[in-house]
């Protein structure tokens, strides 16, 4: 497989992941992603910003989050984010101990 084909496939899969998280399943909370997978939408935004920096592209935290969430983070948060339950917080803490 050519490098360009691989990059295009990876980019398409990444776009599909973002669509799934932000359009198909905005009900899945970031804390649940952190508990189960060890990463969330904010992690993706951080990785995106780090990739930009490695290529000499300046990007703010807010710009990276908007690229990942598909809208300003404050807007997404107001529309979709719920307060974490005590059960979620306990599960998150336990997950952090298992996978520091």
PDB file of N, CA and C in Angstrom:
ATOM      1  N   UNK A   1       0.861  -1.179   0.000  1.00  0.00           N
ATOM      2  CA  UNK A   1       0.000   0.000   0.000  1.00  0.00           C
ATOM      3  C   UNK A   1       0.904   1.238   0.000  1.00  0.00           C
ATOM      4  N   UNK A   2       0.542   2.188  -0.809  1.00  0.00           N
ATOM      5  CA  UNK A   2       1.287   3.440  -0.877  1.00  0.00           C
ATOM      6  C   UNK A   2       1.018   4.280   0.373  1.00  0.00           C
ATOM      7  N   UNK A   3       1.989   5.073   0.758  1.00  0.00           N
ATOM      8  CA  UNK A   3       1.866   5.914   1.957  1.00  0.00           C
ATOM      9  C   UNK A   3       0.690   6.870   1.840  1.00  0.00           C
ATOM     10  N   UNK A   4       0.477   7.401   0.650  1.00  0.00           N
ATOM     11  CA  UNK A   4      -0.645   8.341   0.463  1.00  0.00           C
ATOM     12  C   UNK A   4      -1.974   7.634   0.643  1.00  0.00           C
ATOM     13  N   UNK A   5      -2.084   6.408   0.132  1.00  0.00           N
ATOM     14  CA  UNK A   5      -3.314   5.635   0.312  1.00  0.00           C
ATOM     15  C   UNK A   5      -3.549   5.359   1.790  1.00  0.00           C
ATOM     16  N   UNK A   6      -2.495   4.965   2.483  1.00  0.00           N
ATOM     17  CA  UNK A   6      -2.614   4.691   3.914  1.00  0.00           C
ATOM     18  C   UNK A   6      -3.066   5.940   4.673  1.00  0.00           C
ATOM     19  N   UNK A   7      -2.457   7.071   4.379  1.00  0.00           N
ATOM     20  CA  UNK A   7      -2.828   8.328   5.035  1.00  0.00           C
ATOM     21  C   UNK A   7      -4.291   8.673   4.760  1.00  0.00           C
ATOM     22  N   UNK A   8      -4.716   8.487   3.517  1.00  0.00           N
ATOM     23  CA  UNK A   8      -6.107   8.780   3.167  1.00  0.00           C
ATOM     24  C   UNK A   8      -7.073   7.845   3.892  1.00  0.00           C
ATOM     25  N   UNK A   9      -6.721   6.577   3.999  1.00  0.00           N
ATOM     26  CA  UNK A   9      -7.566   5.623   4.719  1.00  0.00           C
ATOM     27  C   UNK A   9      -7.625   5.954   6.204  1.00  0.00           C
ATOM     28  N   UNK A  10      -6.478   6.274   6.773  1.00  0.00           N
ATOM     29  CA  UNK A  10      -6.444   6.648   8.191  1.00  0.00           C
ATOM     30  C   UNK A  10      -7.272   7.910   8.440  1.00  0.00           C
ATOM     31  N   UNK A  11      -7.160   8.878   7.554  1.00  0.00           N
ATOM     32  CA  UNK A  11      -7.930  10.115   7.688  1.00  0.00           C
ATOM     33  C   UNK A  11      -9.428   9.831   7.584  1.00  0.00           C
ATOM     34  N   UNK A  12      -9.812   8.962   6.657  1.00  0.00           N
ATOM     35  CA  UNK A  12     -11.228   8.619   6.502  1.00  0.00           C
ATOM     36  C   UNK A  12     -11.752   7.910   7.751  1.00  0.00           C
ATOM     37  N   UNK A  13     -10.957   7.001   8.300  1.00  0.00           N
ATOM     38  CA  UNK A  13     -11.374   6.303   9.520  1.00  0.00           C
ATOM     39  C   UNK A  13     -11.488   7.278  10.685  1.00  0.00           C
ATOM     40  N   UNK A  14     -10.577   8.227  10.774  1.00  0.00           N
ATOM     41  CA  UNK A  14     -10.615   9.239  11.830  1.00  0.00           C
ATOM     42  C   UNK A  14     -11.866  10.111  11.693  1.00  0.00           C
ATOM     43  N   UNK A  15     -12.158  10.533  10.474  1.00  0.00           N
ATOM     44  CA  UNK A  15     -13.376  11.330  10.259  1.00  0.00           C
ATOM     45  C   UNK A  15     -14.613  10.537  10.648  1.00  0.00           C
ATOM     46  N   UNK A  16     -14.617   9.252  10.336  1.00  0.00           N
ATOM     47  CA  UNK A  16     -15.752   8.382  10.703  1.00  0.00           C
ATOM     48  C   UNK A  16     -15.875   8.263  12.222  1.00  0.00           C
ATOM     49  N   UNK A  17     -14.739   8.138  12.914  1.00  0.00           N
ATOM     50  CA  UNK A  17     -14.752   8.097  14.378  1.00  0.00           C
ATOM     51  C   UNK A  17     -15.349   9.378  14.943  1.00  0.00           C
ATOM     52  N   UNK A  18     -14.932  10.520  14.422  1.00  0.00           N
ATOM     53  CA  UNK A  18     -15.472  11.794  14.901  1.00  0.00           C
ATOM     54  C   UNK A  18     -16.968  11.891  14.638  1.00  0.00           C
ATOM     55  N   UNK A  19     -17.397  11.470  13.463  1.00  0.00           N
ATOM     56  CA  UNK A  19     -18.832  11.493  13.156  1.00  0.00           C
ATOM     57  C   UNK A  19     -19.586  10.601  14.133  1.00  0.00           C
ATOM     58  N   UNK A  20     -19.042   9.429  14.370  1.00  0.00           N
ATOM     59  CA  UNK A  20     -19.699   8.497  15.288  1.00  0.00           C
ATOM     60  C   UNK A  20     -19.814   9.102  16.687  1.00  0.00           C
ATOM     61  N   UNK A  21     -18.728   9.670  17.186  1.00  0.00           N
ATOM     62  CA  UNK A  21     -18.742  10.234  18.535  1.00  0.00           C
ATOM     63  C   UNK A  21     -19.606  11.492  18.649  1.00  0.00           C
ATOM     64  N   UNK A  22     -19.576  12.326  17.623  1.00  0.00           N
ATOM     65  CA  UNK A  22     -20.205  13.647  17.739  1.00  0.00           C
ATOM     66  C   UNK A  22     -21.600  13.732  17.151  1.00  0.00           C
ATOM     67  N   UNK A  23     -21.904  12.921  16.152  1.00  0.00           N
ATOM     68  CA  UNK A  23     -23.231  12.979  15.543  1.00  0.00           C
ATOM     69  C   UNK A  23     -24.084  11.771  15.890  1.00  0.00           C
ATOM     70  N   UNK A  24     -23.488  10.593  15.784  1.00  0.00           N
ATOM     71  CA  UNK A  24     -24.265   9.377  16.027  1.00  0.00           C
ATOM     72  C   UNK A  24     -24.432   9.086  17.516  1.00  0.00           C
ATOM     73  N   UNK A  25     -23.411   9.382  18.324  1.00  0.00           N
ATOM     74  CA  UNK A  25     -23.441   9.035  19.741  1.00  0.00           C
ATOM     75  C   UNK A  25     -22.981  10.170  20.660  1.00  0.00           C
ATOM     76  N   UNK A  26     -23.560  11.359  20.514  1.00  0.00           N
ATOM     77  CA  UNK A  26     -23.167  12.436  21.440  1.00  0.00           C
ATOM     78  C   UNK A  26     -23.605  12.148  22.871  1.00  0.00           C
ATOM     79  N   UNK A  27     -24.462  11.145  23.042  1.00  0.00           N
ATOM     80  CA  UNK A  27     -24.907  10.757  24.377  1.00  0.00           C
ATOM     81  C   UNK A  27     -23.799  10.068  25.176  1.00  0.00           C
ATOM     82  N   UNK A  28     -22.800   9.531  24.489  1.00  0.00           N
ATOM     83  CA  UNK A  28     -21.694   8.881  25.189  1.00  0.00           C
ATOM     84  C   UNK A  28     -20.818   9.977  25.792  1.00  0.00           C
ATOM     85  N   UNK A  29     -20.754   9.974  27.091  1.00  0.00           N
ATOM     86  CA  UNK A  29     -20.036  11.019  27.813  1.00  0.00           C
ATOM     87  C   UNK A  29     -18.526  10.766  27.779  1.00  0.00           C
ATOM     88  N   UNK A  30     -17.771  11.855  27.823  1.00  0.00           N
ATOM     89  CA  UNK A  30     -16.317  11.735  27.830  1.00  0.00           C
ATOM     90  C   UNK A  30     -15.835  10.890  29.008  1.00  0.00           C
ATOM     91  N   UNK A  31     -16.454  11.031  30.160  1.00  0.00           N
ATOM     92  CA  UNK A  31     -16.006  10.258  31.316  1.00  0.00           C
ATOM     93  C   UNK A  31     -16.188   8.763  31.064  1.00  0.00           C
ATOM     94  N   UNK A  32     -17.254   8.384  30.360  1.00  0.00           N
ATOM     95  CA  UNK A  32     -17.461   6.974  30.027  1.00  0.00           C
ATOM     96  C   UNK A  32     -16.379   6.472  29.069  1.00  0.00           C
ATOM     97  N   UNK A  33     -16.018   7.305  28.114  1.00  0.00           N
ATOM     98  CA  UNK A  33     -14.918   6.945  27.224  1.00  0.00           C
ATOM     99  C   UNK A  33     -13.622   6.769  28.006  1.00  0.00           C
ATOM    100  N   UNK A  34     -13.366   7.669  28.947  1.00  0.00           N
ATOM    101  CA  UNK A  34     -12.156   7.574  29.761  1.00  0.00           C
ATOM    102  C   UNK A  34     -12.154   6.298  30.594  1.00  0.00           C
ATOM    103  N   UNK A  35     -13.289   5.957  31.164  1.00  0.00           N
ATOM    104  CA  UNK A  35     -13.386   4.756  31.994  1.00  0.00           C
ATOM    105  C   UNK A  35     -13.106   3.508  31.158  1.00  0.00           C
ATOM    106  N   UNK A  36     -13.727   3.430  29.990  1.00  0.00           N
ATOM    107  CA  UNK A  36     -13.646   2.225  29.173  1.00  0.00           C
ATOM    108  C   UNK A  36     -12.415   2.158  28.268  1.00  0.00           C
ATOM    109  N   UNK A  37     -12.022   3.292  27.719  1.00  0.00           N
ATOM    110  CA  UNK A  37     -10.977   3.272  26.695  1.00  0.00           C
ATOM    111  C   UNK A  37      -9.714   4.028  27.080  1.00  0.00           C
ATOM    112  N   UNK A  38      -9.782   4.832  28.128  1.00  0.00           N
ATOM    113  CA  UNK A  38      -8.602   5.577  28.538  1.00  0.00           C
ATOM    114  C   UNK A  38      -8.334   6.819  27.711  1.00  0.00           C
ATOM    115  N   UNK A  39      -9.286   7.220  26.886  1.00  0.00           N
ATOM    116  CA  UNK A  39      -9.179   8.462  26.126  1.00  0.00           C
ATOM    117  C   UNK A  39     -10.583   8.987  25.878  1.00  0.00           C
ATOM    118  N   UNK A  40     -10.662  10.273  25.523  1.00  0.00           N
ATOM    119  CA  UNK A  40     -11.956  10.882  25.228  1.00  0.00           C
ATOM    120  C   UNK A  40     -11.786  11.891  24.094  1.00  0.00           C
ATOM    121  N   UNK A  41     -12.820  12.619  23.818  1.00  0.00           N
ATOM    122  CA  UNK A  41     -12.766  13.623  22.757  1.00  0.00           C
ATOM    123  C   UNK A  41     -11.696  14.667  23.047  1.00  0.00           C
ATOM    124  N   UNK A  42     -11.543  15.044  24.320  1.00  0.00           N
ATOM    125  CA  UNK A  42     -10.518  16.035  24.668  1.00  0.00           C
ATOM    126  C   UNK A  42      -9.123  15.486  24.407  1.00  0.00           C
ATOM    127  N   UNK A  43      -8.919  14.202  24.668  1.00  0.00           N
ATOM    128  CA  UNK A  43      -7.634  13.576  24.361  1.00  0.00           C
ATOM    129  C   UNK A  43      -7.371  13.650  22.856  1.00  0.00           C
ATOM    130  N   UNK A  44      -8.395  13.341  22.061  1.00  0.00           N
ATOM    131  CA  UNK A  44      -8.240  13.431  20.605  1.00  0.00           C
ATOM    132  C   UNK A  44      -7.845  14.842  20.190  1.00  0.00           C
ATOM    133  N   UNK A  45      -8.457  15.843  20.823  1.00  0.00           N
ATOM    134  CA  UNK A  45      -8.117  17.238  20.515  1.00  0.00           C
ATOM    135  C   UNK A  45      -6.665  17.536  20.892  1.00  0.00           C
ATOM    136  N   UNK A  46      -6.224  17.019  22.041  1.00  0.00           N
ATOM    137  CA  UNK A  46      -4.829  17.216  22.445  1.00  0.00           C
ATOM    138  C   UNK A  46      -3.879  16.560  21.446  1.00  0.00           C
ATOM    139  N   UNK A  47      -4.197  15.339  21.021  1.00  0.00           N
ATOM    140  CA  UNK A  47      -3.349  14.645  20.052  1.00  0.00           C
ATOM    141  C   UNK A  47      -3.334  15.383  18.721  1.00  0.00           C
ATOM    142  N   UNK A  48      -4.469  15.925  18.342  1.00  0.00           N
ATOM    143  CA  UNK A  48      -4.582  16.682  17.091  1.00  0.00           C
ATOM    144  C   UNK A  48      -3.687  17.927  17.152  1.00  0.00           C
ATOM    145  N   UNK A  49      -3.752  18.621  18.289  1.00  0.00           N
ATOM    146  CA  UNK A  49      -2.932  19.836  18.465  1.00  0.00           C
ATOM    147  C   UNK A  49      -1.450  19.479  18.496  1.00  0.00           C
ATOM    148  N   UNK A  50      -1.103  18.368  19.143  1.00  0.00           N
ATOM    149  CA  UNK A  50       0.290  17.927  19.180  1.00  0.00           C
ATOM    150  C   UNK A  50       0.786  17.585  17.773  1.00  0.00           C
ATOM    151  N   UNK A  51      -0.052  16.938  16.977  1.00  0.00           N
ATOM    152  CA  UNK A  51       0.324  16.608  15.589  1.00  0.00           C
ATOM    153  C   UNK A  51       0.535  17.887  14.786  1.00  0.00           C
ATOM    154  N   UNK A  52      -0.310  18.872  15.028  1.00  0.00           N
ATOM    155  CA  UNK A  52      -0.139  20.155  14.339  1.00  0.00           C
ATOM    156  C   UNK A  52       1.184  20.798  14.744  1.00  0.00           C
ATOM    157  N   UNK A  53       1.472  20.808  16.033  1.00  0.00           N
ATOM    158  CA  UNK A  53       2.710  21.416  16.524  1.00  0.00           C
ATOM    159  C   UNK A  53       3.944  20.720  15.930  1.00  0.00           C
ATOM    160  N   UNK A  54       3.892  19.394  15.804  1.00  0.00           N
ATOM    161  CA  UNK A  54       5.004  18.647  15.221  1.00  0.00           C
ATOM    162  C   UNK A  54       5.257  19.062  13.776  1.00  0.00           C
ATOM    163  N   UNK A  55       4.230  19.604  13.136  1.00  0.00           N
ATOM    164  CA  UNK A  55       4.353  20.041  11.749  1.00  0.00           C
ATOM    165  C   UNK A  55       4.507  21.553  11.630  1.00  0.00           C
ATOM    166  N   UNK A  56       4.740  22.216  12.770  1.00  0.00           N
ATOM    167  CA  UNK A  56       4.952  23.658  12.764  1.00  0.00           C
ATOM    168  C   UNK A  56       3.684  24.473  12.608  1.00  0.00           C
ATOM    169  N   UNK A  57       2.535  23.868  12.881  1.00  0.00           N
ATOM    170  CA  UNK A  57       1.258  24.561  12.761  1.00  0.00           C
ATOM    171  C   UNK A  57       0.797  24.974  14.154  1.00  0.00           C
ATOM    172  N   UNK A  58       0.604  26.265  14.334  1.00  0.00           N
ATOM    173  CA  UNK A  58       0.124  26.753  15.626  1.00  0.00           C
ATOM    174  C   UNK A  58      -1.378  26.540  15.733  1.00  0.00           C
ATOM    175  N   UNK A  59      -1.787  26.013  16.875  1.00  0.00           N
ATOM    176  CA  UNK A  59      -3.204  25.740  17.092  1.00  0.00           C
ATOM    177  C   UNK A  59      -3.477  25.861  18.579  1.00  0.00           C
ATOM    178  N   UNK A  60      -4.521  26.590  18.912  1.00  0.00           N
ATOM    179  CA  UNK A  60      -4.889  26.725  20.318  1.00  0.00           C
ATOM    180  C   UNK A  60      -5.673  25.499  20.772  1.00  0.00           C
ATOM    181  N   UNK A  61      -5.785  25.365  22.067  1.00  0.00           N
ATOM    182  CA  UNK A  61      -6.584  24.274  22.642  1.00  0.00           C
ATOM    183  C   UNK A  61      -8.021  24.365  22.134  1.00  0.00           C
ATOM    184  N   UNK A  62      -8.576  25.581  22.101  1.00  0.00           N
ATOM    185  CA  UNK A  62      -9.951  25.765  21.632  1.00  0.00           C
ATOM    186  C   UNK A  62     -10.098  25.428  20.154  1.00  0.00           C
ATOM    187  N   UNK A  63      -9.116  25.793  19.339  1.00  0.00           N
ATOM    188  CA  UNK A  63      -9.174  25.454  17.912  1.00  0.00           C
ATOM    189  C   UNK A  63      -9.143  23.945  17.713  1.00  0.00           C
ATOM    190  N   UNK A  64      -8.292  23.266  18.469  1.00  0.00           N
ATOM    191  CA  UNK A  64      -8.204  21.808  18.353  1.00  0.00           C
ATOM    192  C   UNK A  64      -9.509  21.160  18.794  1.00  0.00           C
ATOM    193  N   UNK A  65     -10.078  21.631  19.893  1.00  0.00           N
ATOM    194  CA  UNK A  65     -11.339  21.059  20.355  1.00  0.00           C
ATOM    195  C   UNK A  65     -12.455  21.289  19.354  1.00  0.00           C
ATOM    196  N   UNK A  66     -12.487  22.460  18.741  1.00  0.00           N
ATOM    197  CA  UNK A  66     -13.520  22.716  17.739  1.00  0.00           C
ATOM    198  C   UNK A  66     -13.351  21.792  16.538  1.00  0.00           C
ATOM    199  N   UNK A  67     -12.109  21.511  16.163  1.00  0.00           N
ATOM    200  CA  UNK A  67     -11.867  20.590  15.046  1.00  0.00           C
ATOM    201  C   UNK A  67     -12.369  19.193  15.392  1.00  0.00           C
ATOM    202  N   UNK A  68     -12.229  18.781  16.636  1.00  0.00           N
ATOM    203  CA  UNK A  68     -12.649  17.443  17.041  1.00  0.00           C
ATOM    204  C   UNK A  68     -14.149  17.380  17.303  1.00  0.00           C
ATOM    205  N   UNK A  69     -14.683  18.352  18.007  1.00  0.00           N
ATOM    206  CA  UNK A  69     -16.106  18.337  18.365  1.00  0.00           C
ATOM    207  C   UNK A  69     -17.023  18.779  17.227  1.00  0.00           C
ATOM    208  N   UNK A  70     -16.459  19.464  16.234  1.00  0.00           N
ATOM    209  CA  UNK A  70     -17.279  19.935  15.120  1.00  0.00           C
ATOM    210  C   UNK A  70     -18.062  21.195  15.448  1.00  0.00           C
ATOM    211  N   UNK A  71     -17.767  21.787  16.570  1.00  0.00           N
ATOM    212  CA  UNK A  71     -18.400  23.031  17.023  1.00  0.00           C
ATOM    213  C   UNK A  71     -17.569  23.541  18.185  1.00  0.00           C
ATOM    214  N   UNK A  72     -17.775  24.788  18.588  1.00  0.00           N
ATOM    215  CA  UNK A  72     -17.044  25.262  19.772  1.00  0.00           C
ATOM    216  C   UNK A  72     -17.327  24.352  20.971  1.00  0.00           C
ATOM    217  N   UNK A  73     -16.286  24.072  21.749  1.00  0.00           N
ATOM    218  CA  UNK A  73     -16.408  23.152  22.868  1.00  0.00           C
ATOM    219  C   UNK A  73     -17.496  23.596  23.838  1.00  0.00           C
ATOM    220  N   UNK A  74     -17.575  24.879  24.127  1.00  0.00           N
ATOM    221  CA  UNK A  74     -18.599  25.374  25.065  1.00  0.00           C
ATOM    222  C   UNK A  74     -20.002  25.039  24.567  1.00  0.00           C
ATOM    223  N   UNK A  75     -20.205  25.133  23.256  1.00  0.00           N
ATOM    224  CA  UNK A  75     -21.509  24.802  22.679  1.00  0.00           C
ATOM    225  C   UNK A  75     -21.810  23.308  22.829  1.00  0.00           C
ATOM    226  N   UNK A  76     -20.815  22.474  22.495  1.00  0.00           N
ATOM    227  CA  UNK A  76     -21.009  21.023  22.629  1.00  0.00           C
ATOM    228  C   UNK A  76     -21.292  20.656  24.076  1.00  0.00           C
ATOM    229  N   UNK A  77     -20.513  21.248  24.965  1.00  0.00           N
ATOM    230  CA  UNK A  77     -20.669  20.965  26.397  1.00  0.00           C
ATOM    231  C   UNK A  77     -22.071  21.334  26.880  1.00  0.00           C
ATOM    232  N   UNK A  78     -22.564  22.483  26.461  1.00  0.00           N
ATOM    233  CA  UNK A  78     -23.904  22.921  26.870  1.00  0.00           C
ATOM    234  C   UNK A  78     -24.992  22.013  26.303  1.00  0.00           C
ATOM    235  N   UNK A  79     -24.780  21.519  25.089  1.00  0.00           N
ATOM    236  CA  UNK A  79     -25.791  20.674  24.445  1.00  0.00           C
ATOM    237  C   UNK A  79     -25.783  19.234  24.939  1.00  0.00           C
ATOM    238  N   UNK A  80     -24.593  18.691  25.216  1.00  0.00           N
ATOM    239  CA  UNK A  80     -24.492  17.249  25.410  1.00  0.00           C
ATOM    240  C   UNK A  80     -23.891  16.773  26.735  1.00  0.00           C
ATOM    241  N   UNK A  81     -23.029  17.575  27.340  1.00  0.00           N
ATOM    242  CA  UNK A  81     -22.331  17.069  28.518  1.00  0.00           C
ATOM    243  C   UNK A  81     -23.202  17.151  29.761  1.00  0.00           C
ATOM    244  N   UNK A  82     -23.223  16.051  30.482  1.00  0.00           N
ATOM    245  CA  UNK A  82     -23.969  15.988  31.735  1.00  0.00           C
ATOM    246  C   UNK A  82     -22.974  15.933  32.884  1.00  0.00           C
ATOM    247  N   UNK A  83     -23.434  16.298  34.079  1.00  0.00           N
ATOM    248  CA  UNK A  83     -22.580  16.158  35.249  1.00  0.00           C
ATOM    249  C   UNK A  83     -22.310  14.680  35.477  1.00  0.00           C
ATOM    250  N   UNK A  84     -21.084  14.373  35.856  1.00  0.00           N
ATOM    251  CA  UNK A  84     -20.729  12.988  36.150  1.00  0.00           C
ATOM    252  C   UNK A  84     -21.462  12.533  37.405  1.00  0.00           C
ATOM    253  N   UNK A  85     -21.927  11.299  37.361  1.00  0.00           N
ATOM    254  CA  UNK A  85     -22.605  10.724  38.519  1.00  0.00           C
ATOM    255  C   UNK A  85     -21.554  10.234  39.523  1.00  0.00           C
ATOM    256  N   UNK A  86     -21.949  10.021  40.763  1.00  0.00           N
ATOM    257  CA  UNK A  86     -20.998   9.443  41.725  1.00  0.00           C
ATOM    258  C   UNK A  86     -20.455   8.093  41.242  1.00  0.00           C
ATOM    259  N   UNK A  87     -21.308   7.299  40.580  1.00  0.00           N
ATOM    260  CA  UNK A  87     -20.868   6.013  40.059  1.00  0.00           C
ATOM    261  C   UNK A  87     -19.803   6.184  38.969  1.00  0.00           C
ATOM    262  N   UNK A  88     -20.013   7.155  38.082  1.00  0.00           N
ATOM    263  CA  UNK A  88     -19.025   7.409  37.026  1.00  0.00           C
ATOM    264  C   UNK A  88     -17.703   7.878  37.631  1.00  0.00           C
ATOM    265  N   UNK A  89     -17.778   8.762  38.601  1.00  0.00           N
ATOM    266  CA  UNK A  89     -16.559   9.266  39.235  1.00  0.00           C
ATOM    267  C   UNK A  89     -15.794   8.134  39.924  1.00  0.00           C
ATOM    268  N   UNK A  90     -16.517   7.235  40.591  1.00  0.00           N
ATOM    269  CA  UNK A  90     -15.874   6.101  41.252  1.00  0.00           C
ATOM    270  C   UNK A  90     -15.245   5.165  40.218  1.00  0.00           C
ATOM    271  N   UNK A  91     -15.949   4.911  39.130  1.00  0.00           N
ATOM    272  CA  UNK A  91     -15.422   4.050  38.075  1.00  0.00           C
ATOM    273  C   UNK A  91     -14.197   4.683  37.420  1.00  0.00           C
ATOM    274  N   UNK A  92     -14.232   5.987  37.239  1.00  0.00           N
ATOM    275  CA  UNK A  92     -13.094   6.706  36.655  1.00  0.00           C
ATOM    276  C   UNK A  92     -11.881   6.589  37.569  1.00  0.00           C
ATOM    277  N   UNK A  93     -12.098   6.800  38.853  1.00  0.00           N
ATOM    278  CA  UNK A  93     -10.998   6.702  39.820  1.00  0.00           C
ATOM    279  C   UNK A  93     -10.411   5.281  39.815  1.00  0.00           C
ATOM    280  N   UNK A  94     -11.268   4.273  39.795  1.00  0.00           N
ATOM    281  CA  UNK A  94     -10.797   2.891  39.764  1.00  0.00           C
ATOM    282  C   UNK A  94     -10.030   2.598  38.480  1.00  0.00           C
ATOM    283  N   UNK A  95     -10.509   3.115  37.366  1.00  0.00           N
ATOM    284  CA  UNK A  95      -9.821   2.913  36.080  1.00  0.00           C
ATOM    285  C   UNK A  95      -8.460   3.569  36.090  1.00  0.00           C
ATOM    286  N   UNK A  96      -8.357   4.756  36.697  1.00  0.00           N
ATOM    287  CA  UNK A  96      -7.075   5.450  36.782  1.00  0.00           C
ATOM    288  C   UNK A  96      -6.069   4.649  37.605  1.00  0.00           C
ATOM    289  N   UNK A  97      -6.541   3.963  38.631  1.00  0.00           N
ATOM    290  CA  UNK A  97      -5.652   3.144  39.450  1.00  0.00           C
ATOM    291  C   UNK A  97      -5.181   1.907  38.686  1.00  0.00           C
ATOM    292  N   UNK A  98      -6.063   1.339  37.861  1.00  0.00           N
ATOM    293  CA  UNK A  98      -5.721   0.142  37.083  1.00  0.00           C
ATOM    294  C   UNK A  98      -4.772   0.481  35.928  1.00  0.00           C
ATOM    295  N   UNK A  99      -4.963   1.647  35.347  1.00  0.00           N
ATOM    296  CA  UNK A  99      -4.193   2.046  34.153  1.00  0.00           C
ATOM    297  C   UNK A  99      -3.650   3.453  34.330  1.00  0.00           C
ATOM    298  N   UNK A 100      -2.634   3.619  35.170  1.00  0.00           N
ATOM    299  CA  UNK A 100      -2.106   4.980  35.427  1.00  0.00           C
ATOM    300  C   UNK A 100      -1.486   5.615  34.207  1.00  0.00           C
TER     301      UNK A 100
END
